[in-house]
Amino acid sequence: MPARIRTAVGAAHTQILGIGAYRPRRVVPNSEIIGPIDSSDEWIQTRSGIKNRRFASDDETIVSMSVEASRKALAAADISTDQISAVVLATSSMMVLGPSAGAVVASELGMTDCPAFDVSAGCAGFCHALATASDMVRAGTAQYVLVVGVERLSDLLDPADRSTAFIFADGAGAAVVGPSDVEGIGPVAWGSDGSQTAAIQQDKDFQAYFAEVAKAEATGGTSVRPYIRMQGTAVFRWAATFIEKACRAAIDKSGVAMEDLDVFIPHQANIRITQALTRALKMPAGIVVAEDIVETGNTSAASIPLAMEQVLRSGAAKPGDTALLMGFGAGLAYAGQVVTLPRIAD
């Protein structure tokens, strides 16, 4: 007779206990972007809503930004590092294949023998990581999980690319997920469409780049490093139509009604996409809609935690409010859930 394997027992409900953010010191206004792309401040604001964004300095790395955001999230949650059972970090801009950023962040925070790993799901990464963390707590795999969304997209920007140079930016957001007496993180609605990878992608893989470098060295020619490229019209069309269905799916899965929502926190891709989604969803009057993109730009996997922290920090929303999160972007991938908003650090 086979041995009986023990079943892990987890929490019935989960919630986000605290959130923290790190925004790079350097504020980059549109005036610094417009020259190489032959544009104007008015054009950028009209097309995207962006006035400023943050670019990381040399000392503001994927790891250091994650650590600072994580410390704030831990303080807000009143959870110590030795209570964290796992770290799940979402990013698409870690410029090495290993070790994982999550493992280094855990070590920098003083966590020993702590499972930590990275998730790569583009702009939907944080919501993927949040769903993973919530399920880990429910399954009994972990009691408290640190979730991080972080990017240094300025490392991947071609300053002369009119479709991306003014959009993407840097930053980090972190959240602590743990058990709860009542439900605080609804079931995730998520998916992907790999047939549309060309809509947002790195323009060459590193194997092709290394071959180009080798040829340049042999012939005295030049090589061009990989950059992120985007087909803005295709992304806008997909986001403004398909993501409406994804938002409705997340709401339906949560069991709440549209009228129960206090806050809408979509990925900060483009203010016109946010406005189109809000109209299509016929959201209730008075709902708070995050527009952190105006001062922060599009920070991909860091976008939603940064926007969540901003609506709480500004007083536009408060802990305990019911919010719809929806991340979407490269992949093309999406993920979203209804959550109860957490505390922020003082």
C-alpha atoms as a PDB file:
ATOM      1  CA  MET A   1       0.000   0.000   0.000  1.00  0.00           C
ATOM      2  CA  PRO A   2       1.491   3.401  -0.949  1.00  0.00           C
ATOM      3  CA  ALA A   3       2.490   5.767   1.822  1.00  0.00           C
ATOM      4  CA  ARG A   4      -0.021   8.471   2.674  1.00  0.00           C
ATOM      5  CA  ILE A   5       1.320  11.904   1.787  1.00  0.00           C
ATOM      6  CA  ARG A   6       0.305  14.781   4.016  1.00  0.00           C
ATOM      7  CA  THR A   7      -1.869  17.536   2.511  1.00  0.00           C
ATOM      8  CA  ALA A   8      -0.879  21.142   3.152  1.00  0.00           C
ATOM      9  CA  VAL A   9      -3.610  23.252   4.729  1.00  0.00           C
ATOM     10  CA  GLY A  10      -3.783  26.945   3.915  1.00  0.00           C
ATOM     11  CA  ALA A  11      -5.915  29.987   4.635  1.00  0.00           C
ATOM     12  CA  ALA A  12      -9.548  30.214   3.599  1.00  0.00           C
ATOM     13  CA  HIS A  13      -9.134  33.868   2.586  1.00  0.00           C
ATOM     14  CA  THR A  14      -6.284  36.178   1.597  1.00  0.00           C
ATOM     15  CA  GLN A  15      -5.669  39.908   1.405  1.00  0.00           C
ATOM     16  CA  ILE A  16      -3.062  42.513   0.577  1.00  0.00           C
ATOM     17  CA  LEU A  17      -1.843  43.614   4.013  1.00  0.00           C
ATOM     18  CA  GLY A  18       0.402  46.487   2.995  1.00  0.00           C
ATOM     19  CA  ILE A  19       1.890  48.217  -0.026  1.00  0.00           C
ATOM     20  CA  GLY A  20       5.014  50.247  -0.696  1.00  0.00           C
ATOM     21  CA  ALA A  21       6.504  52.150  -3.619  1.00  0.00           C
ATOM     22  CA  TYR A  22       9.835  53.414  -4.840  1.00  0.00           C
ATOM     23  CA  ARG A  23      10.038  56.130  -7.469  1.00  0.00           C
ATOM     24  CA  PRO A  24      13.471  57.027  -8.878  1.00  0.00           C
ATOM     25  CA  ARG A  25      14.868  60.402  -7.912  1.00  0.00           C
ATOM     26  CA  ARG A  26      15.225  61.781 -11.427  1.00  0.00           C
ATOM     27  CA  VAL A  27      12.065  63.395 -12.801  1.00  0.00           C
ATOM     28  CA  VAL A  28      12.125  63.554 -16.610  1.00  0.00           C
ATOM     29  CA  PRO A  29       9.679  66.046 -18.150  1.00  0.00           C
ATOM     30  CA  ASN A  30       8.487  65.824 -21.733  1.00  0.00           C
ATOM     31  CA  SER A  31      10.867  68.629 -22.652  1.00  0.00           C
ATOM     32  CA  GLU A  32      13.785  66.185 -22.272  1.00  0.00           C
ATOM     33  CA  ILE A  33      12.150  63.625 -24.560  1.00  0.00           C
ATOM     34  CA  ILE A  34      10.814  65.660 -27.470  1.00  0.00           C
ATOM     35  CA  GLY A  35      14.050  66.530 -29.320  1.00  0.00           C
ATOM     36  CA  PRO A  36      15.157  63.105 -30.582  1.00  0.00           C
ATOM     37  CA  ILE A  37      11.600  62.116 -31.547  1.00  0.00           C
ATOM     38  CA  ASP A  38      10.776  65.485 -33.181  1.00  0.00           C
ATOM     39  CA  SER A  39       7.699  65.946 -31.019  1.00  0.00           C
ATOM     40  CA  SER A  40       6.167  68.367 -28.504  1.00  0.00           C
ATOM     41  CA  ASP A  41       4.915  68.392 -24.944  1.00  0.00           C
ATOM     42  CA  GLU A  42       1.381  68.924 -26.236  1.00  0.00           C
ATOM     43  CA  TRP A  43       1.604  65.919 -28.604  1.00  0.00           C
ATOM     44  CA  ILE A  44       2.854  63.599 -25.840  1.00  0.00           C
ATOM     45  CA  GLN A  45       0.199  64.708 -23.369  1.00  0.00           C
ATOM     46  CA  THR A  46      -2.555  64.402 -25.982  1.00  0.00           C
ATOM     47  CA  ARG A  47      -1.405  60.934 -27.075  1.00  0.00           C
ATOM     48  CA  SER A  48      -0.653  59.471 -23.641  1.00  0.00           C
ATOM     49  CA  GLY A  49      -1.500  61.843 -20.796  1.00  0.00           C
ATOM     50  CA  ILE A  50       2.124  61.824 -19.639  1.00  0.00           C
ATOM     51  CA  LYS A  51       3.701  65.013 -18.305  1.00  0.00           C
ATOM     52  CA  ASN A  52       6.648  63.503 -16.427  1.00  0.00           C
ATOM     53  CA  ARG A  53       8.231  60.135 -15.797  1.00  0.00           C
ATOM     54  CA  ARG A  54      11.055  58.796 -13.629  1.00  0.00           C
ATOM     55  CA  PHE A  55      14.320  57.370 -14.960  1.00  0.00           C
ATOM     56  CA  ALA A  56      16.584  55.437 -12.608  1.00  0.00           C
ATOM     57  CA  SER A  57      20.148  56.556 -11.959  1.00  0.00           C
ATOM     58  CA  ASP A  58      23.053  54.098 -11.936  1.00  0.00           C
ATOM     59  CA  ASP A  59      22.620  53.310  -8.245  1.00  0.00           C
ATOM     60  CA  GLU A  60      18.859  52.711  -8.584  1.00  0.00           C
ATOM     61  CA  THR A  61      18.875  49.121  -9.750  1.00  0.00           C
ATOM     62  CA  ILE A  62      16.148  46.505 -10.133  1.00  0.00           C
ATOM     63  CA  VAL A  63      17.276  45.079  -6.795  1.00  0.00           C
ATOM     64  CA  SER A  64      17.741  48.335  -4.863  1.00  0.00           C
ATOM     65  CA  MET A  65      14.385  49.772  -5.974  1.00  0.00           C
ATOM     66  CA  SER A  66      12.662  46.495  -5.074  1.00  0.00           C
ATOM     67  CA  VAL A  67      14.282  46.435  -1.643  1.00  0.00           C
ATOM     68  CA  GLU A  68      13.157  49.975  -0.812  1.00  0.00           C
ATOM     69  CA  ALA A  69       9.577  49.355  -1.975  1.00  0.00           C
ATOM     70  CA  SER A  70       9.517  46.064  -0.063  1.00  0.00           C
ATOM     71  CA  ARG A  71      10.655  47.660   3.183  1.00  0.00           C
ATOM     72  CA  LYS A  72       7.778  50.127   2.944  1.00  0.00           C
ATOM     73  CA  ALA A  73       5.283  47.345   2.196  1.00  0.00           C
ATOM     74  CA  LEU A  74       6.516  45.302   5.161  1.00  0.00           C
ATOM     75  CA  ALA A  75       6.230  48.336   7.440  1.00  0.00           C
ATOM     76  CA  ALA A  76       2.699  49.056   6.221  1.00  0.00           C
ATOM     77  CA  ALA A  77       1.691  45.423   6.791  1.00  0.00           C
ATOM     78  CA  ASP A  78       3.448  45.292  10.186  1.00  0.00           C
ATOM     79  CA  ILE A  79       5.129  42.076   9.068  1.00  0.00           C
ATOM     80  CA  SER A  80       8.790  41.270   9.725  1.00  0.00           C
ATOM     81  CA  THR A  81      11.107  39.764   7.140  1.00  0.00           C
ATOM     82  CA  ASP A  82      11.364  36.484   9.067  1.00  0.00           C
ATOM     83  CA  GLN A  83       7.602  36.015   8.655  1.00  0.00           C
ATOM     84  CA  ILE A  84       7.834  36.080   4.857  1.00  0.00           C
ATOM     85  CA  SER A  85       7.562  32.581   3.394  1.00  0.00           C
ATOM     86  CA  ALA A  86       8.276  33.431  -0.264  1.00  0.00           C
ATOM     87  CA  VAL A  87       9.102  36.264  -2.678  1.00  0.00           C
ATOM     88  CA  VAL A  88       7.479  36.538  -6.113  1.00  0.00           C
ATOM     89  CA  LEU A  89       8.973  39.303  -8.269  1.00  0.00           C
ATOM     90  CA  ALA A  90       7.565  40.461 -11.611  1.00  0.00           C
ATOM     91  CA  THR A  91       9.840  42.188 -14.117  1.00  0.00           C
ATOM     92  CA  SER A  92      10.738  42.225 -17.804  1.00  0.00           C
ATOM     93  CA  SER A  93      13.879  44.342 -17.543  1.00  0.00           C
ATOM     94  CA  MET A  94      16.324  42.335 -15.424  1.00  0.00           C
ATOM     95  CA  MET A  95      19.332  42.343 -17.743  1.00  0.00           C
ATOM     96  CA  VAL A  96      20.789  39.011 -16.618  1.00  0.00           C
ATOM     97  CA  LEU A  97      19.294  35.519 -16.856  1.00  0.00           C
ATOM     98  CA  GLY A  98      20.391  34.545 -13.370  1.00  0.00           C
ATOM     99  CA  PRO A  99      20.259  34.698 -10.469  1.00  0.00           C
ATOM    100  CA  SER A 100      16.637  35.748 -10.222  1.00  0.00           C
ATOM    101  CA  ALA A 101      16.049  39.268  -8.981  1.00  0.00           C
ATOM    102  CA  GLY A 102      13.651  37.855  -6.391  1.00  0.00           C
ATOM    103  CA  ALA A 103      16.373  35.731  -4.817  1.00  0.00           C
ATOM    104  CA  VAL A 104      18.770  38.682  -4.548  1.00  0.00           C
ATOM    105  CA  VAL A 105      16.039  40.941  -3.137  1.00  0.00           C
ATOM    106  CA  ALA A 106      15.207  38.324  -0.492  1.00  0.00           C
ATOM    107  CA  SER A 107      18.878  38.133   0.483  1.00  0.00           C
ATOM    108  CA  GLU A 108      19.236  41.932   0.619  1.00  0.00           C
ATOM    109  CA  LEU A 109      16.227  42.059   2.957  1.00  0.00           C
ATOM    110  CA  GLY A 110      17.902  39.542   5.280  1.00  0.00           C
ATOM    111  CA  MET A 111      15.690  36.600   4.412  1.00  0.00           C
ATOM    112  CA  THR A 112      17.542  33.283   4.662  1.00  0.00           C
ATOM    113  CA  ASP A 113      16.503  30.032   3.005  1.00  0.00           C
ATOM    114  CA  CYS A 114      13.464  31.749   1.491  1.00  0.00           C
ATOM    115  CA  PRO A 115      12.025  30.575  -1.841  1.00  0.00           C
ATOM    116  CA  ALA A 116      12.106  33.437  -4.329  1.00  0.00           C
ATOM    117  CA  PHE A 117      11.529  33.580  -8.063  1.00  0.00           C
ATOM    118  CA  ASP A 118      10.743  35.925 -10.944  1.00  0.00           C
ATOM    119  CA  VAL A 119       7.654  36.155 -13.137  1.00  0.00           C
ATOM    120  CA  SER A 120       7.873  37.542 -16.677  1.00  0.00           C
ATOM    121  CA  ALA A 121       4.444  38.565 -17.945  1.00  0.00           C
ATOM    122  CA  GLY A 122       5.080  42.096 -19.168  1.00  0.00           C
ATOM    123  CA  CYS A 123       2.725  44.785 -17.944  1.00  0.00           C
ATOM    124  CA  ALA A 124       0.423  42.114 -16.468  1.00  0.00           C
ATOM    125  CA  GLY A 125       3.261  40.771 -14.337  1.00  0.00           C
ATOM    126  CA  PHE A 126       2.230  42.205 -10.967  1.00  0.00           C
ATOM    127  CA  CYS A 127      -1.302  40.810 -11.192  1.00  0.00           C
ATOM    128  CA  HIS A 128       0.121  37.418 -12.236  1.00  0.00           C
ATOM    129  CA  ALA A 129       2.444  37.516  -9.223  1.00  0.00           C
ATOM    130  CA  LEU A 130      -0.388  38.636  -6.938  1.00  0.00           C
ATOM    131  CA  ALA A 131      -2.578  35.707  -8.054  1.00  0.00           C
ATOM    132  CA  THR A 132       0.320  33.296  -7.564  1.00  0.00           C
ATOM    133  CA  ALA A 133       1.013  34.621  -4.063  1.00  0.00           C
ATOM    134  CA  SER A 134      -2.652  34.495  -3.070  1.00  0.00           C
ATOM    135  CA  ASP A 135      -2.942  30.889  -4.258  1.00  0.00           C
ATOM    136  CA  MET A 136       0.219  29.955  -2.341  1.00  0.00           C
ATOM    137  CA  VAL A 137      -1.290  31.276   0.888  1.00  0.00           C
ATOM    138  CA  ARG A 138      -4.580  29.466   0.207  1.00  0.00           C
ATOM    139  CA  ALA A 139      -2.783  26.209  -0.556  1.00  0.00           C
ATOM    140  CA  GLY A 140      -0.642  26.325   2.561  1.00  0.00           C
ATOM    141  CA  THR A 141       2.569  26.671   0.562  1.00  0.00           C
ATOM    142  CA  ALA A 142       3.290  29.969   2.309  1.00  0.00           C
ATOM    143  CA  GLN A 143       1.834  32.068   5.106  1.00  0.00           C
ATOM    144  CA  TYR A 144       2.999  35.506   3.989  1.00  0.00           C
ATOM    145  CA  VAL A 145       4.314  36.314   0.512  1.00  0.00           C
ATOM    146  CA  LEU A 146       6.164  39.423  -0.640  1.00  0.00           C
ATOM    147  CA  VAL A 147       5.072  40.429  -4.156  1.00  0.00           C
ATOM    148  CA  VAL A 148       7.162  42.916  -6.158  1.00  0.00           C
ATOM    149  CA  GLY A 149       6.643  44.620  -9.521  1.00  0.00           C
ATOM    150  CA  VAL A 150       9.739  46.439 -10.766  1.00  0.00           C
ATOM    151  CA  GLU A 151      11.180  47.804 -14.018  1.00  0.00           C
ATOM    152  CA  ARG A 152      14.136  49.744 -15.411  1.00  0.00           C
ATOM    153  CA  LEU A 153      12.666  50.180 -18.879  1.00  0.00           C
ATOM    154  CA  SER A 154      14.895  53.174 -19.585  1.00  0.00           C
ATOM    155  CA  ASP A 155      17.619  50.561 -20.209  1.00  0.00           C
ATOM    156  CA  LEU A 156      15.608  49.242 -23.161  1.00  0.00           C
ATOM    157  CA  LEU A 157      14.558  52.526 -24.756  1.00  0.00           C
ATOM    158  CA  ASP A 158      15.709  53.856 -28.095  1.00  0.00           C
ATOM    159  CA  PRO A 159      15.540  57.627 -27.451  1.00  0.00           C
ATOM    160  CA  ALA A 160      14.771  58.230 -31.145  1.00  0.00           C
ATOM    161  CA  ASP A 161      11.844  55.784 -31.296  1.00  0.00           C
ATOM    162  CA  ARG A 162       8.693  57.899 -31.532  1.00  0.00           C
ATOM    163  CA  SER A 163       6.482  54.987 -30.425  1.00  0.00           C
ATOM    164  CA  THR A 164       8.250  54.134 -27.155  1.00  0.00           C
ATOM    165  CA  ALA A 165      10.679  56.848 -26.030  1.00  0.00           C
ATOM    166  CA  PHE A 166       8.028  58.961 -24.301  1.00  0.00           C
ATOM    167  CA  ILE A 167       5.989  56.079 -22.841  1.00  0.00           C
ATOM    168  CA  PHE A 168       8.130  53.829 -20.675  1.00  0.00           C
ATOM    169  CA  ALA A 169       9.771  54.564 -17.332  1.00  0.00           C
ATOM    170  CA  ASP A 170      11.209  53.073 -14.135  1.00  0.00           C
ATOM    171  CA  GLY A 171      10.061  52.270 -10.604  1.00  0.00           C
ATOM    172  CA  ALA A 172       9.066  49.574  -8.122  1.00  0.00           C
ATOM    173  CA  GLY A 173       6.033  48.641  -6.077  1.00  0.00           C
ATOM    174  CA  ALA A 174       5.657  45.886  -3.485  1.00  0.00           C
ATOM    175  CA  ALA A 175       2.851  44.261  -1.532  1.00  0.00           C
ATOM    176  CA  VAL A 176       2.564  41.767   1.317  1.00  0.00           C
ATOM    177  CA  VAL A 177      -0.065  39.049   0.856  1.00  0.00           C
ATOM    178  CA  GLY A 178      -1.309  37.021   3.805  1.00  0.00           C
ATOM    179  CA  PRO A 179      -4.274  35.268   5.405  1.00  0.00           C
ATOM    180  CA  SER A 180      -7.496  37.086   6.226  1.00  0.00           C
ATOM    181  CA  ASP A 181     -10.783  36.504   8.064  1.00  0.00           C
ATOM    182  CA  VAL A 182     -12.703  37.766   5.030  1.00  0.00           C
ATOM    183  CA  GLU A 183     -11.890  37.667   1.331  1.00  0.00           C
ATOM    184  CA  GLY A 184      -9.564  40.424   0.169  1.00  0.00           C
ATOM    185  CA  ILE A 185      -8.269  39.094  -3.177  1.00  0.00           C
ATOM    186  CA  GLY A 186     -10.800  37.838  -5.685  1.00  0.00           C
ATOM    187  CA  PRO A 187     -10.249  35.057  -8.237  1.00  0.00           C
ATOM    188  CA  VAL A 188      -7.982  36.086 -11.072  1.00  0.00           C
ATOM    189  CA  ALA A 189      -9.161  36.546 -14.659  1.00  0.00           C
ATOM    190  CA  TRP A 190      -6.134  36.010 -16.872  1.00  0.00           C
ATOM    191  CA  GLY A 191      -4.958  34.846 -20.251  1.00  0.00           C
ATOM    192  CA  SER A 192      -2.639  35.520 -23.164  1.00  0.00           C
ATOM    193  CA  ASP A 193      -2.493  35.704 -26.945  1.00  0.00           C
ATOM    194  CA  GLY A 194       0.933  34.697 -28.227  1.00  0.00           C
ATOM    195  CA  SER A 195      -0.117  35.335 -31.817  1.00  0.00           C
ATOM    196  CA  GLN A 196       0.272  39.072 -31.119  1.00  0.00           C
ATOM    197  CA  THR A 197       3.789  39.053 -29.697  1.00  0.00           C
ATOM    198  CA  ALA A 198       4.926  41.563 -32.329  1.00  0.00           C
ATOM    199  CA  ALA A 199       2.716  44.258 -30.798  1.00  0.00           C
ATOM    200  CA  ILE A 200       5.216  44.792 -27.956  1.00  0.00           C
ATOM    201  CA  GLN A 201       8.556  43.042 -28.042  1.00  0.00           C
ATOM    202  CA  GLN A 202      12.330  43.300 -27.884  1.00  0.00           C
ATOM    203  CA  ASP A 203      13.364  43.870 -31.493  1.00  0.00           C
ATOM    204  CA  LYS A 204      16.096  41.195 -31.522  1.00  0.00           C
ATOM    205  CA  ASP A 205      16.999  38.364 -29.187  1.00  0.00           C
ATOM    206  CA  PHE A 206      20.446  38.264 -27.614  1.00  0.00           C
ATOM    207  CA  GLN A 207      21.619  35.415 -29.850  1.00  0.00           C
ATOM    208  CA  ALA A 208      20.979  37.612 -32.891  1.00  0.00           C
ATOM    209  CA  TYR A 209      22.623  40.571 -31.166  1.00  0.00           C
ATOM    210  CA  PHE A 210      25.764  38.607 -30.280  1.00  0.00           C
ATOM    211  CA  ALA A 211      26.019  37.414 -33.894  1.00  0.00           C
ATOM    212  CA  GLU A 212      25.719  41.029 -35.042  1.00  0.00           C
ATOM    213  CA  VAL A 213      28.462  42.088 -32.611  1.00  0.00           C
ATOM    214  CA  ALA A 214      30.765  39.318 -33.816  1.00  0.00           C
ATOM    215  CA  LYS A 215      30.222  40.323 -37.453  1.00  0.00           C
ATOM    216  CA  ALA A 216      30.857  43.977 -36.625  1.00  0.00           C
ATOM    217  CA  GLU A 217      34.117  43.091 -34.870  1.00  0.00           C
ATOM    218  CA  ALA A 218      35.236  41.011 -37.837  1.00  0.00           C
ATOM    219  CA  THR A 219      34.338  43.543 -40.528  1.00  0.00           C
ATOM    220  CA  GLY A 220      34.808  46.832 -38.712  1.00  0.00           C
ATOM    221  CA  GLY A 221      31.088  47.526 -38.977  1.00  0.00           C
ATOM    222  CA  THR A 222      28.633  48.514 -36.272  1.00  0.00           C
ATOM    223  CA  SER A 223      26.040  46.759 -34.163  1.00  0.00           C
ATOM    224  CA  VAL A 224      22.851  48.086 -32.545  1.00  0.00           C
ATOM    225  CA  ARG A 225      21.786  46.858 -29.139  1.00  0.00           C
ATOM    226  CA  PRO A 226      18.269  45.408 -28.626  1.00  0.00           C
ATOM    227  CA  TYR A 227      15.439  47.823 -27.862  1.00  0.00           C
ATOM    228  CA  ILE A 228      11.791  47.469 -26.926  1.00  0.00           C
ATOM    229  CA  ARG A 229       9.417  48.219 -29.817  1.00  0.00           C
ATOM    230  CA  MET A 230       5.669  48.723 -29.843  1.00  0.00           C
ATOM    231  CA  GLN A 231       2.886  48.868 -32.418  1.00  0.00           C
ATOM    232  CA  GLY A 232       0.792  51.454 -30.625  1.00  0.00           C
ATOM    233  CA  THR A 233      -2.332  51.166 -32.764  1.00  0.00           C
ATOM    234  CA  ALA A 234      -2.514  47.377 -32.367  1.00  0.00           C
ATOM    235  CA  VAL A 235      -2.042  47.590 -28.615  1.00  0.00           C
ATOM    236  CA  PHE A 236      -4.650  50.340 -28.264  1.00  0.00           C
ATOM    237  CA  ARG A 237      -7.192  48.384 -30.300  1.00  0.00           C
ATOM    238  CA  TRP A 238      -6.652  45.217 -28.260  1.00  0.00           C
ATOM    239  CA  ALA A 239      -6.705  47.002 -24.906  1.00  0.00           C
ATOM    240  CA  ALA A 240      -9.784  49.116 -25.649  1.00  0.00           C
ATOM    241  CA  THR A 241     -11.846  46.116 -26.780  1.00  0.00           C
ATOM    242  CA  PHE A 242     -10.635  42.809 -25.348  1.00  0.00           C
ATOM    243  CA  ILE A 243      -9.616  44.170 -21.947  1.00  0.00           C
ATOM    244  CA  GLU A 244     -13.166  45.391 -21.338  1.00  0.00           C
ATOM    245  CA  LYS A 245     -14.219  41.712 -21.406  1.00  0.00           C
ATOM    246  CA  ALA A 246     -11.353  40.800 -19.089  1.00  0.00           C
ATOM    247  CA  CYS A 247     -12.442  43.470 -16.583  1.00  0.00           C
ATOM    248  CA  ARG A 248     -15.995  42.157 -16.625  1.00  0.00           C
ATOM    249  CA  ALA A 249     -14.692  38.611 -16.126  1.00  0.00           C
ATOM    250  CA  ALA A 250     -12.701  39.664 -13.044  1.00  0.00           C
ATOM    251  CA  ILE A 251     -15.756  41.397 -11.598  1.00  0.00           C
ATOM    252  CA  ASP A 252     -18.006  38.398 -12.307  1.00  0.00           C
ATOM    253  CA  LYS A 253     -15.505  35.991 -10.726  1.00  0.00           C
ATOM    254  CA  SER A 254     -15.325  38.153  -7.588  1.00  0.00           C
ATOM    255  CA  GLY A 255     -19.079  38.044  -7.013  1.00  0.00           C
ATOM    256  CA  VAL A 256     -19.315  41.819  -6.547  1.00  0.00           C
ATOM    257  CA  ALA A 257     -21.272  44.171  -8.786  1.00  0.00           C
ATOM    258  CA  MET A 258     -19.840  47.022 -10.826  1.00  0.00           C
ATOM    259  CA  GLU A 259     -21.701  49.388  -8.499  1.00  0.00           C
ATOM    260  CA  ASP A 260     -19.748  47.972  -5.527  1.00  0.00           C
ATOM    261  CA  LEU A 261     -16.416  49.209  -6.869  1.00  0.00           C
ATOM    262  CA  ASP A 262     -14.812  52.235  -5.244  1.00  0.00           C
ATOM    263  CA  VAL A 263     -11.613  52.324  -7.306  1.00  0.00           C
ATOM    264  CA  PHE A 264     -10.411  51.254 -10.762  1.00  0.00           C
ATOM    265  CA  ILE A 265      -6.656  50.680 -11.083  1.00  0.00           C
ATOM    266  CA  PRO A 266      -5.796  49.610 -14.627  1.00  0.00           C
ATOM    267  CA  HIS A 267      -2.265  49.230 -15.929  1.00  0.00           C
ATOM    268  CA  GLN A 268      -0.986  52.735 -16.590  1.00  0.00           C
ATOM    269  CA  ALA A 269      -0.422  52.198 -20.300  1.00  0.00           C
ATOM    270  CA  ASN A 270      -2.026  55.281 -21.775  1.00  0.00           C
ATOM    271  CA  ILE A 271      -4.592  57.672 -20.355  1.00  0.00           C
ATOM    272  CA  ARG A 272      -6.718  57.326 -23.499  1.00  0.00           C
ATOM    273  CA  ILE A 273      -6.931  53.549 -22.954  1.00  0.00           C
ATOM    274  CA  THR A 274      -7.958  54.123 -19.330  1.00  0.00           C
ATOM    275  CA  GLN A 275     -10.657  56.571 -20.391  1.00  0.00           C
ATOM    276  CA  ALA A 276     -11.915  54.232 -23.125  1.00  0.00           C
ATOM    277  CA  LEU A 277     -12.161  51.343 -20.659  1.00  0.00           C
ATOM    278  CA  THR A 278     -13.970  53.460 -18.075  1.00  0.00           C
ATOM    279  CA  ARG A 279     -16.545  54.515 -20.667  1.00  0.00           C
ATOM    280  CA  ALA A 280     -17.003  51.007 -22.094  1.00  0.00           C
ATOM    281  CA  LEU A 281     -17.465  49.495 -18.638  1.00  0.00           C
ATOM    282  CA  LYS A 282     -20.010  52.193 -17.695  1.00  0.00           C
ATOM    283  CA  MET A 283     -18.404  52.522 -14.290  1.00  0.00           C
ATOM    284  CA  PRO A 284     -20.410  54.183 -11.511  1.00  0.00           C
ATOM    285  CA  ALA A 285     -20.215  57.934 -11.083  1.00  0.00           C
ATOM    286  CA  GLY A 286     -17.734  58.937  -8.445  1.00  0.00           C
ATOM    287  CA  ILE A 287     -15.460  55.915  -8.854  1.00  0.00           C
ATOM    288  CA  VAL A 288     -11.787  56.781  -8.353  1.00  0.00           C
ATOM    289  CA  VAL A 289      -9.791  56.015 -11.499  1.00  0.00           C
ATOM    290  CA  ALA A 290      -6.012  55.812 -11.120  1.00  0.00           C
ATOM    291  CA  GLU A 291      -4.122  58.126 -13.476  1.00  0.00           C
ATOM    292  CA  ASP A 292      -0.615  57.764 -12.100  1.00  0.00           C
ATOM    293  CA  ILE A 293       0.687  57.687 -15.674  1.00  0.00           C
ATOM    294  CA  VAL A 294       0.552  61.506 -15.766  1.00  0.00           C
ATOM    295  CA  GLU A 295       3.542  61.828 -13.432  1.00  0.00           C
ATOM    296  CA  THR A 296       5.054  58.335 -13.576  1.00  0.00           C
ATOM    297  CA  GLY A 297       4.739  57.089 -17.164  1.00  0.00           C
ATOM    298  CA  ASN A 298       4.270  53.444 -18.081  1.00  0.00           C
ATOM    299  CA  THR A 299       6.302  51.308 -15.686  1.00  0.00           C
ATOM    300  CA  SER A 300       5.022  47.925 -16.926  1.00  0.00           C
ATOM    301  CA  ALA A 301       5.078  45.404 -14.042  1.00  0.00           C
ATOM    302  CA  ALA A 302       5.500  48.215 -11.488  1.00  0.00           C
ATOM    303  CA  SER A 303       2.549  50.170 -12.854  1.00  0.00           C
ATOM    304  CA  ILE A 304      -0.320  48.785 -10.772  1.00  0.00           C
ATOM    305  CA  PRO A 305       1.355  48.780  -7.336  1.00  0.00           C
ATOM    306  CA  LEU A 306       2.678  52.298  -7.965  1.00  0.00           C
ATOM    307  CA  ALA A 307      -0.792  53.484  -9.000  1.00  0.00           C
ATOM    308  CA  MET A 308      -2.377  51.738  -6.010  1.00  0.00           C
ATOM    309  CA  GLU A 309       0.040  53.448  -3.648  1.00  0.00           C
ATOM    310  CA  GLN A 310      -0.590  56.805  -5.316  1.00  0.00           C
ATOM    311  CA  VAL A 311      -4.383  56.743  -4.946  1.00  0.00           C
ATOM    312  CA  LEU A 312      -3.951  55.810  -1.288  1.00  0.00           C
ATOM    313  CA  ARG A 313      -1.158  58.313  -0.636  1.00  0.00           C
ATOM    314  CA  SER A 314      -3.156  61.144  -2.225  1.00  0.00           C
ATOM    315  CA  GLY A 315      -6.253  60.365  -0.164  1.00  0.00           C
ATOM    316  CA  ALA A 316      -8.352  59.744  -3.267  1.00  0.00           C
ATOM    317  CA  ALA A 317      -8.941  56.217  -1.943  1.00  0.00           C
ATOM    318  CA  LYS A 318      -8.603  54.644   1.490  1.00  0.00           C
ATOM    319  CA  PRO A 319      -7.674  51.253   2.947  1.00  0.00           C
ATOM    320  CA  GLY A 320     -10.690  48.949   2.849  1.00  0.00           C
ATOM    321  CA  ASP A 321     -12.023  50.306  -0.448  1.00  0.00           C
ATOM    322  CA  THR A 322     -12.938  47.783  -3.129  1.00  0.00           C
ATOM    323  CA  ALA A 323     -10.771  48.064  -6.246  1.00  0.00           C
ATOM    324  CA  LEU A 324     -10.560  46.417  -9.636  1.00  0.00           C
ATOM    325  CA  LEU A 325      -6.982  45.796 -10.793  1.00  0.00           C
ATOM    326  CA  MET A 326      -6.262  44.967 -14.426  1.00  0.00           C
ATOM    327  CA  GLY A 327      -2.809  44.524 -15.928  1.00  0.00           C
ATOM    328  CA  PHE A 328      -2.324  44.078 -19.672  1.00  0.00           C
ATOM    329  CA  GLY A 329       0.419  44.366 -22.243  1.00  0.00           C
ATOM    330  CA  ALA A 330       3.337  42.474 -23.777  1.00  0.00           C
ATOM    331  CA  GLY A 331       2.589  38.862 -24.514  1.00  0.00           C
ATOM    332  CA  LEU A 332      -0.033  39.913 -25.252  1.00  0.00           C
ATOM    333  CA  ALA A 333      -1.095  39.007 -21.721  1.00  0.00           C
ATOM    334  CA  TYR A 334      -3.596  40.183 -19.148  1.00  0.00           C
ATOM    335  CA  ALA A 335      -4.483  39.481 -15.506  1.00  0.00           C
ATOM    336  CA  GLY A 336      -6.813  41.190 -13.076  1.00  0.00           C
ATOM    337  CA  GLN A 337      -8.706  40.732  -9.846  1.00  0.00           C
ATOM    338  CA  VAL A 338     -10.946  42.602  -7.427  1.00  0.00           C
ATOM    339  CA  VAL A 339      -9.165  43.405  -4.153  1.00  0.00           C
ATOM    340  CA  THR A 340      -9.603  45.240  -0.906  1.00  0.00           C
ATOM    341  CA  LEU A 341      -7.105  48.098  -0.749  1.00  0.00           C
ATOM    342  CA  PRO A 342      -4.368  47.747   1.873  1.00  0.00           C
ATOM    343  CA  ARG A 343      -2.547  50.091   4.212  1.00  0.00           C
ATOM    344  CA  ILE A 344       0.433  52.197   3.199  1.00  0.00           C
ATOM    345  CA  ALA A 345       3.425  53.111   5.360  1.00  0.00           C
ATOM    346  CA  ASP A 346       3.423  56.495   7.092  1.00  0.00           C
END
